[in-house]
């Protein structure tokens, strides 16, 4: 008679993340409190991909 039954589960899931960041506010660059230039951080995007792997052992 088998008192224990073992079960191994493996799960795979993929994921994808798109992230968009808009342009920053305008900043005034100063030197000795005198405006020298105007700077702006441009738009940027990030694409991230991945796989999650899970293992579960039940007995």
N, C-alpha and C. Protein backbone atom coordinates (compact mmCIF):
# COMPACT_ATOMS: atom_id res chain seq x y z
N UNK A 1 0.84 -1.17 0.00
CA UNK A 1 0.00 0.00 0.00
C UNK A 1 0.89 1.25 0.00
N UNK A 2 0.62 2.19 -0.90
CA UNK A 2 1.42 3.40 -1.02
C UNK A 2 0.76 4.50 -0.19
N UNK A 3 1.45 4.95 0.89
CA UNK A 3 0.90 5.98 1.75
C UNK A 3 1.16 7.39 1.22
N UNK A 4 2.19 7.53 0.41
CA UNK A 4 2.56 8.85 -0.10
C UNK A 4 2.50 8.87 -1.62
N UNK A 5 1.92 9.91 -2.14
CA UNK A 5 1.89 10.11 -3.59
C UNK A 5 2.63 11.41 -3.88
N UNK A 6 3.64 11.35 -4.71
CA UNK A 6 4.43 12.53 -5.02
C UNK A 6 3.95 13.15 -6.34
N UNK A 7 3.94 14.45 -6.35
CA UNK A 7 3.50 15.17 -7.54
C UNK A 7 4.43 16.36 -7.75
N UNK A 8 5.02 16.44 -8.93
CA UNK A 8 5.90 17.56 -9.28
C UNK A 8 5.18 18.42 -10.31
N UNK A 9 5.01 19.70 -9.99
CA UNK A 9 4.39 20.64 -10.90
C UNK A 9 5.43 21.68 -11.32
N UNK A 10 5.47 21.94 -12.60
CA UNK A 10 6.37 22.96 -13.15
C UNK A 10 5.49 23.95 -13.91
N UNK A 11 5.66 25.22 -13.60
CA UNK A 11 4.89 26.25 -14.30
C UNK A 11 5.83 27.24 -14.97
N UNK A 12 5.47 27.62 -16.16
CA UNK A 12 6.22 28.61 -16.93
C UNK A 12 5.26 29.73 -17.31
N UNK A 13 5.70 30.94 -17.14
CA UNK A 13 4.89 32.08 -17.58
C UNK A 13 5.83 33.16 -18.11
N UNK A 14 5.45 33.72 -19.22
CA UNK A 14 6.26 34.79 -19.79
C UNK A 14 5.58 36.12 -19.50
N UNK A 15 6.36 37.18 -19.47
CA UNK A 15 5.81 38.49 -19.21
C UNK A 15 6.50 39.52 -20.09
N UNK A 16 5.78 40.59 -20.31
CA UNK A 16 6.24 41.66 -21.16
C UNK A 16 5.77 42.97 -20.55
N UNK A 17 6.67 43.92 -20.41
CA UNK A 17 6.34 45.20 -19.79
C UNK A 17 6.80 46.33 -20.71
N UNK A 18 5.85 47.15 -21.13
CA UNK A 18 6.16 48.35 -21.90
C UNK A 18 5.95 49.54 -20.97
N UNK A 19 6.94 50.39 -20.90
CA UNK A 19 6.85 51.54 -20.01
C UNK A 19 7.26 52.78 -20.80
N UNK A 20 6.40 53.78 -20.80
CA UNK A 20 6.69 55.03 -21.50
C UNK A 20 6.72 56.15 -20.48
N UNK A 21 7.75 56.94 -20.55
CA UNK A 21 7.88 58.10 -19.68
C UNK A 21 7.91 59.35 -20.56
N UNK A 22 7.04 60.25 -20.28
CA UNK A 22 6.96 61.48 -21.06
C UNK A 22 8.11 62.41 -20.77
N UNK A 23 8.13 63.46 -21.49
CA UNK A 23 9.18 64.47 -21.34
C UNK A 23 9.10 65.12 -19.96
N UNK A 24 10.24 65.47 -19.42
CA UNK A 24 10.27 66.11 -18.10
C UNK A 24 9.89 67.58 -18.22
N UNK A 25 9.73 68.20 -17.09
CA UNK A 25 9.48 69.64 -17.06
C UNK A 25 10.73 70.38 -17.53
N UNK A 26 10.54 71.61 -17.94
CA UNK A 26 11.66 72.45 -18.37
C UNK A 26 12.40 72.95 -17.13
N UNK A 27 13.72 72.82 -17.16
CA UNK A 27 14.56 73.32 -16.07
C UNK A 27 15.46 74.43 -16.59
N UNK A 28 15.62 75.45 -15.80
CA UNK A 28 16.52 76.55 -16.16
C UNK A 28 17.84 76.31 -15.45
N UNK A 29 18.89 76.17 -16.23
CA UNK A 29 20.23 75.98 -15.69
C UNK A 29 20.83 77.36 -15.41
N UNK A 30 21.27 77.54 -14.17
CA UNK A 30 21.83 78.85 -13.79
C UNK A 30 23.27 78.71 -13.34
N UNK A 31 23.98 79.81 -13.46
CA UNK A 31 25.35 79.89 -12.96
C UNK A 31 25.46 81.24 -12.26
N UNK A 32 25.76 81.21 -10.97
CA UNK A 32 25.79 82.42 -10.15
C UNK A 32 24.45 83.17 -10.23
N UNK A 33 23.37 82.39 -10.21
CA UNK A 33 22.00 82.90 -10.25
C UNK A 33 21.65 83.62 -11.55
N UNK A 34 22.43 83.39 -12.59
CA UNK A 34 22.15 83.95 -13.92
C UNK A 34 21.73 82.80 -14.83
N UNK A 35 20.57 82.89 -15.48
CA UNK A 35 20.15 81.81 -16.38
C UNK A 35 21.16 81.60 -17.51
N UNK A 36 21.56 80.36 -17.70
CA UNK A 36 22.56 80.03 -18.72
C UNK A 36 21.93 79.24 -19.86
N UNK A 37 21.04 78.32 -19.53
CA UNK A 37 20.47 77.44 -20.56
C UNK A 37 19.16 76.86 -20.05
N UNK A 38 18.40 76.29 -20.95
CA UNK A 38 17.17 75.58 -20.61
C UNK A 38 17.39 74.12 -20.96
N UNK A 39 17.11 73.22 -20.02
CA UNK A 39 17.32 71.80 -20.29
C UNK A 39 16.01 71.03 -20.08
N UNK A 40 15.85 69.96 -20.85
CA UNK A 40 14.67 69.10 -20.78
C UNK A 40 15.13 67.66 -20.98
N UNK A 41 14.64 66.77 -20.15
CA UNK A 41 14.90 65.35 -20.37
C UNK A 41 13.91 64.84 -21.41
N UNK A 42 14.38 64.19 -22.48
CA UNK A 42 13.48 63.77 -23.56
C UNK A 42 12.59 62.59 -23.15
N UNK A 43 11.59 62.30 -24.01
CA UNK A 43 10.75 61.12 -23.82
C UNK A 43 11.63 59.88 -23.81
N UNK A 44 11.18 58.86 -23.09
CA UNK A 44 11.92 57.60 -23.10
C UNK A 44 10.95 56.43 -22.97
N UNK A 45 11.36 55.29 -23.50
CA UNK A 45 10.58 54.07 -23.39
C UNK A 45 11.47 52.95 -22.91
N UNK A 46 10.86 51.98 -22.25
CA UNK A 46 11.56 50.80 -21.78
C UNK A 46 10.72 49.58 -22.12
N UNK A 47 11.34 48.57 -22.71
CA UNK A 47 10.68 47.31 -23.00
C UNK A 47 11.42 46.22 -22.24
N UNK A 48 10.71 45.53 -21.36
CA UNK A 48 11.31 44.47 -20.56
C UNK A 48 10.58 43.16 -20.85
N UNK A 49 11.34 42.09 -21.01
CA UNK A 49 10.79 40.77 -21.28
C UNK A 49 11.34 39.80 -20.24
N UNK A 50 10.57 38.78 -19.90
CA UNK A 50 11.08 37.82 -18.94
C UNK A 50 10.26 36.55 -18.91
N UNK A 51 10.79 35.56 -18.21
CA UNK A 51 10.14 34.27 -18.01
C UNK A 51 10.22 33.93 -16.53
N UNK A 52 9.11 33.53 -15.96
CA UNK A 52 9.08 33.03 -14.59
C UNK A 52 8.94 31.51 -14.64
N UNK A 53 9.76 30.83 -13.86
CA UNK A 53 9.72 29.37 -13.77
C UNK A 53 9.44 29.00 -12.31
N UNK A 54 8.42 28.17 -12.12
CA UNK A 54 8.08 27.75 -10.76
C UNK A 54 8.09 26.25 -10.63
N UNK A 55 8.54 25.75 -9.48
CA UNK A 55 8.56 24.32 -9.18
C UNK A 55 7.79 24.08 -7.90
N UNK A 56 6.99 23.03 -7.88
CA UNK A 56 6.24 22.68 -6.68
C UNK A 56 6.26 21.17 -6.53
N UNK A 57 6.67 20.71 -5.38
CA UNK A 57 6.71 19.27 -5.10
C UNK A 57 5.73 19.00 -3.96
N UNK A 58 4.76 18.19 -4.26
CA UNK A 58 3.77 17.82 -3.25
C UNK A 58 3.87 16.32 -2.97
N UNK A 59 3.80 15.98 -1.70
CA UNK A 59 3.79 14.55 -1.34
C UNK A 59 3.03 14.34 -0.06
